[in-house]
C-alpha atoms as a PDB file:
ATOM      1  CA  MET A   1    -221.215   2.903   5.138  1.00  0.00           C
ATOM      2  CA  ASP A   2    -221.026   2.809   1.373  1.00  0.00           C
ATOM      3  CA  ASN A   3    -219.330   4.783  -0.948  1.00  0.00           C
ATOM      4  CA  ALA A   4    -221.896   6.759  -1.914  1.00  0.00           C
ATOM      5  CA  THR A   5    -223.074   7.802   1.559  1.00  0.00           C
ATOM      6  CA  ARG A   6    -219.526   9.093   2.463  1.00  0.00           C
ATOM      7  CA  ILE A   7    -219.279  11.582  -0.495  1.00  0.00           C
ATOM      8  CA  ASP A   8    -222.758  13.221   0.756  1.00  0.00           C
ATOM      9  CA  LYS A   9    -221.629  12.949   4.224  1.00  0.00           C
ATOM     10  CA  LEU A  10    -218.246  14.832   2.908  1.00  0.00           C
ATOM     11  CA  LEU A  11    -220.193  17.126   1.003  1.00  0.00           C
ATOM     12  CA  ALA A  12    -222.492  18.063   4.104  1.00  0.00           C
ATOM     13  CA  ALA A  13    -219.601  19.156   6.362  1.00  0.00           C
ATOM     14  CA  LYS A  14    -217.960  21.246   3.904  1.00  0.00           C
ATOM     15  CA  SER A  15    -220.761  24.064   4.042  1.00  0.00           C
ATOM     16  CA  ASP A  16    -219.215  26.693   1.968  1.00  0.00           C
ATOM     17  CA  TRP A  17    -218.652  27.502  -1.614  1.00  0.00           C
ATOM     18  CA  ARG A  18    -215.962  24.251  -1.613  1.00  0.00           C
ATOM     19  CA  GLY A  19    -218.308  21.528  -0.966  1.00  0.00           C
ATOM     20  CA  GLN A  20    -221.268  23.200  -3.359  1.00  0.00           C
ATOM     21  CA  VAL A  21    -218.474  23.080  -6.063  1.00  0.00           C
ATOM     22  CA  LEU A  22    -217.830  19.673  -5.210  1.00  0.00           C
ATOM     23  CA  ALA A  23    -221.519  18.590  -5.469  1.00  0.00           C
ATOM     24  CA  GLU A  24    -221.984  20.264  -8.841  1.00  0.00           C
ATOM     25  CA  VAL A  25    -219.246  18.658 -10.136  1.00  0.00           C
ATOM     26  CA  ARG A  26    -220.380  14.915  -8.765  1.00  0.00           C
ATOM     27  CA  ALA A  27    -223.257  15.670 -10.588  1.00  0.00           C
ATOM     28  CA  LEU A  28    -221.583  16.165 -13.624  1.00  0.00           C
ATOM     29  CA  ILE A  29    -219.685  13.147 -13.284  1.00  0.00           C
ATOM     30  CA  LYS A  30    -222.563  11.456 -12.514  1.00  0.00           C
ATOM     31  CA  ALA A  31    -224.354  12.625 -15.660  1.00  0.00           C
ATOM     32  CA  ALA A  32    -221.619  11.726 -18.237  1.00  0.00           C
ATOM     33  CA  LEU A  33    -220.791   8.309 -17.068  1.00  0.00           C
ATOM     34  CA  PRO A  34    -223.639   6.743 -15.240  1.00  0.00           C
ATOM     35  CA  GLU A  35    -221.755   3.599 -14.696  1.00  0.00           C
ATOM     36  CA  VAL A  36    -219.124   5.657 -12.951  1.00  0.00           C
ATOM     37  CA  VAL A  37    -217.953   3.823  -9.638  1.00  0.00           C
ATOM     38  CA  GLU A  38    -217.484   6.418  -6.711  1.00  0.00           C
ATOM     39  CA  GLU A  39    -215.309   5.560  -3.649  1.00  0.00           C
ATOM     40  CA  VAL A  40    -213.371   8.047  -0.953  1.00  0.00           C
ATOM     41  CA  LYS A  41    -210.085   6.899  -0.034  1.00  0.00           C
ATOM     42  CA  TRP A  42    -207.020   8.207   1.576  1.00  0.00           C
ATOM     43  CA  VAL A  43    -209.083   8.401   5.072  1.00  0.00           C
ATOM     44  CA  LYS A  44    -206.368   9.727   7.985  1.00  0.00           C
ATOM     45  CA  PRO A  45    -206.150  11.868  10.708  1.00  0.00           C
ATOM     46  CA  THR A  46    -205.183  14.795   8.956  1.00  0.00           C
ATOM     47  CA  ASN A  47    -208.223  14.162   6.514  1.00  0.00           C
ATOM     48  CA  PRO A  48    -210.880  12.108   8.534  1.00  0.00           C
ATOM     49  CA  GLY A  49    -213.565  12.498   5.745  1.00  0.00           C
ATOM     50  CA  GLY A  50    -210.865  11.178   2.582  1.00  0.00           C
ATOM     51  CA  VAL A  51    -210.545  11.908  -0.814  1.00  0.00           C
ATOM     52  CA  PRO A  52    -213.531  11.001  -3.026  1.00  0.00           C
ATOM     53  CA  VAL A  53    -212.853   9.491  -6.059  1.00  0.00           C
ATOM     54  CA  TRP A  54    -214.292   8.257  -9.346  1.00  0.00           C
ATOM     55  CA  SER A  55    -213.220   5.608 -11.399  1.00  0.00           C
ATOM     56  CA  LEU A  56    -214.570   3.243 -14.395  1.00  0.00           C
ATOM     57  CA  GLY A  57    -212.015   0.461 -15.897  1.00  0.00           C
ATOM     58  CA  GLY A  58    -209.191   2.577 -13.329  1.00  0.00           C
ATOM     59  CA  LEU A  59    -208.853   6.178 -11.789  1.00  0.00           C
ATOM     60  CA  LEU A  60    -210.433   8.788 -13.716  1.00  0.00           C
ATOM     61  CA  CYS A  61    -210.084  11.949 -11.274  1.00  0.00           C
ATOM     62  CA  THR A  62    -210.138  12.492  -7.390  1.00  0.00           C
ATOM     63  CA  GLY A  63    -212.046  15.881  -6.051  1.00  0.00           C
ATOM     64  CA  GLU A  64    -209.966  17.881  -3.311  1.00  0.00           C
ATOM     65  CA  CYS A  65    -211.341  20.512  -1.059  1.00  0.00           C
ATOM     66  CA  TYR A  66    -208.249  22.782  -0.337  1.00  0.00           C
ATOM     67  CA  LYS A  67    -208.948  26.192   1.256  1.00  0.00           C
ATOM     68  CA  ALA A  68    -208.976  28.405  -2.110  1.00  0.00           C
ATOM     69  CA  LYS A  69    -209.869  25.947  -4.305  1.00  0.00           C
ATOM     70  CA  VAL A  70    -211.389  22.799  -5.394  1.00  0.00           C
ATOM     71  CA  LYS A  71    -208.565  20.211  -7.310  1.00  0.00           C
ATOM     72  CA  LEU A  72    -209.815  17.744  -9.695  1.00  0.00           C
ATOM     73  CA  THR A  73    -207.016  15.984 -10.579  1.00  0.00           C
ATOM     74  CA  PHE A  74    -207.068  13.601 -13.441  1.00  0.00           C
ATOM     75  CA  ALA A  75    -205.045  10.615 -13.281  1.00  0.00           C
ATOM     76  CA  HIS A  76    -203.887  10.298 -16.831  1.00  0.00           C
ATOM     77  CA  GLY A  77    -205.018  13.867 -17.413  1.00  0.00           C
ATOM     78  CA  ALA A  78    -201.712  14.420 -19.703  1.00  0.00           C
ATOM     79  CA  ALA A  79    -203.113  12.202 -22.389  1.00  0.00           C
ATOM     80  CA  LEU A  80    -205.957  13.246 -22.748  1.00  0.00           C
ATOM     81  CA  ALA A  81    -207.673  15.472 -24.933  1.00  0.00           C
ATOM     82  CA  ASP A  82    -209.002  18.963 -23.564  1.00  0.00           C
ATOM     83  CA  PRO A  83    -209.985  20.991 -26.197  1.00  0.00           C
ATOM     84  CA  ALA A  84    -211.611  23.541 -24.202  1.00  0.00           C
ATOM     85  CA  GLY A  85    -208.291  23.959 -22.514  1.00  0.00           C
ATOM     86  CA  LEU A  86    -209.874  23.124 -19.095  1.00  0.00           C
ATOM     87  CA  PHE A  87    -206.959  21.817 -17.547  1.00  0.00           C
ATOM     88  CA  ASN A  88    -205.142  24.520 -15.454  1.00  0.00           C
ATOM     89  CA  ALA A  89    -202.876  23.224 -12.958  1.00  0.00           C
ATOM     90  CA  GLY A  90    -200.380  20.180 -12.794  1.00  0.00           C
ATOM     91  CA  PHE A  91    -198.403  20.202 -15.874  1.00  0.00           C
ATOM     92  CA  ASP A  92    -195.454  20.446 -13.974  1.00  0.00           C
ATOM     93  CA  GLY A  93    -195.526  16.055 -14.727  1.00  0.00           C
ATOM     94  CA  LYS A  94    -196.311  14.050 -16.680  1.00  0.00           C
ATOM     95  CA  VAL A  95    -199.522  11.795 -16.350  1.00  0.00           C
ATOM     96  CA  ARG A  96    -201.486  14.000 -14.418  1.00  0.00           C
ATOM     97  CA  ARG A  97    -203.344  17.088 -14.504  1.00  0.00           C
ATOM     98  CA  ALA A  98    -205.567  18.884 -13.088  1.00  0.00           C
ATOM     99  CA  ILE A  99    -208.720  21.520 -12.859  1.00  0.00           C
ATOM    100  CA  ASP A 100    -208.216  23.982  -9.908  1.00  0.00           C
ATOM    101  CA  ILE A 101    -211.740  26.396  -9.537  1.00  0.00           C
ATOM    102  CA  THR A 102    -211.837  29.273  -7.211  1.00  0.00           C
ATOM    103  CA  GLU A 103    -214.909  30.695  -5.207  1.00  0.00           C
ATOM    104  CA  GLY A 104    -216.977  32.350  -7.856  1.00  0.00           C
ATOM    105  CA  GLU A 105    -215.697  30.255 -10.961  1.00  0.00           C
ATOM    106  CA  ALA A 106    -217.898  28.410 -13.357  1.00  0.00           C
ATOM    107  CA  LEU A 107    -216.702  25.174 -14.401  1.00  0.00           C
ATOM    108  CA  ASP A 108    -217.843  24.869 -18.710  1.00  0.00           C
ATOM    109  CA  GLY A 109    -220.253  21.257 -17.565  1.00  0.00           C
ATOM    110  CA  ASP A 110    -220.595  20.363 -20.708  1.00  0.00           C
ATOM    111  CA  ALA A 111    -216.809  20.570 -21.114  1.00  0.00           C
ATOM    112  CA  PHE A 112    -216.441  18.774 -18.024  1.00  0.00           C
ATOM    113  CA  LYS A 113    -218.789  15.998 -19.107  1.00  0.00           C
ATOM    114  CA  ALA A 114    -216.735  16.042 -22.681  1.00  0.00           C
ATOM    115  CA  LEU A 115    -214.102  14.833 -21.012  1.00  0.00           C
ATOM    116  CA  MET A 116    -215.020  13.533 -18.165  1.00  0.00           C
ATOM    117  CA  GLN A 117    -215.741  10.679 -20.800  1.00  0.00           C
ATOM    118  CA  GLU A 118    -212.324  10.971 -22.767  1.00  0.00           C
ATOM    119  CA  ALA A 119    -210.525   9.935 -19.167  1.00  0.00           C
ATOM    120  CA  ALA A 120    -213.461   6.952 -19.043  1.00  0.00           C
ATOM    121  CA  ALA A 121    -212.375   6.536 -22.959  1.00  0.00           C
ATOM    122  CA  PHE A 122    -208.518   6.230 -21.831  1.00  0.00           C
ATOM    123  CA  TYR A 123    -208.676   2.897 -20.233  1.00  0.00           C
ATOM    124  CA  ARG A 124    -210.544   1.445 -23.093  1.00  0.00           C
ATOM    125  CA  ARG A 125    -207.887   1.811 -25.636  1.00  0.00           C
END
């Protein structure tokens, strides 16, 4: 099974708001970076669906569903410009940054696409 199909199945298995949010994020990522590579990593017994990962020249971000949030973790988020202030988690580390989205919260699509493009540009520097 290819990675896109694996992510489709993972999203279908999350039939609540978290799956919907992650599907919307996925669409924004693909719109911002049509050439992005999708993978599923870190499959284990406690997480049989694995974790969706988006890369382009290097790891851009991961998308994980938790009970009360969807967490988008950017591998080199601390090095990225975030003029819209989307990062709201992961400030305790020196490299990663994250966006936590809770139920009913809206993500600024244009700002997120710009952040994804900034993440891809990080690997071209």
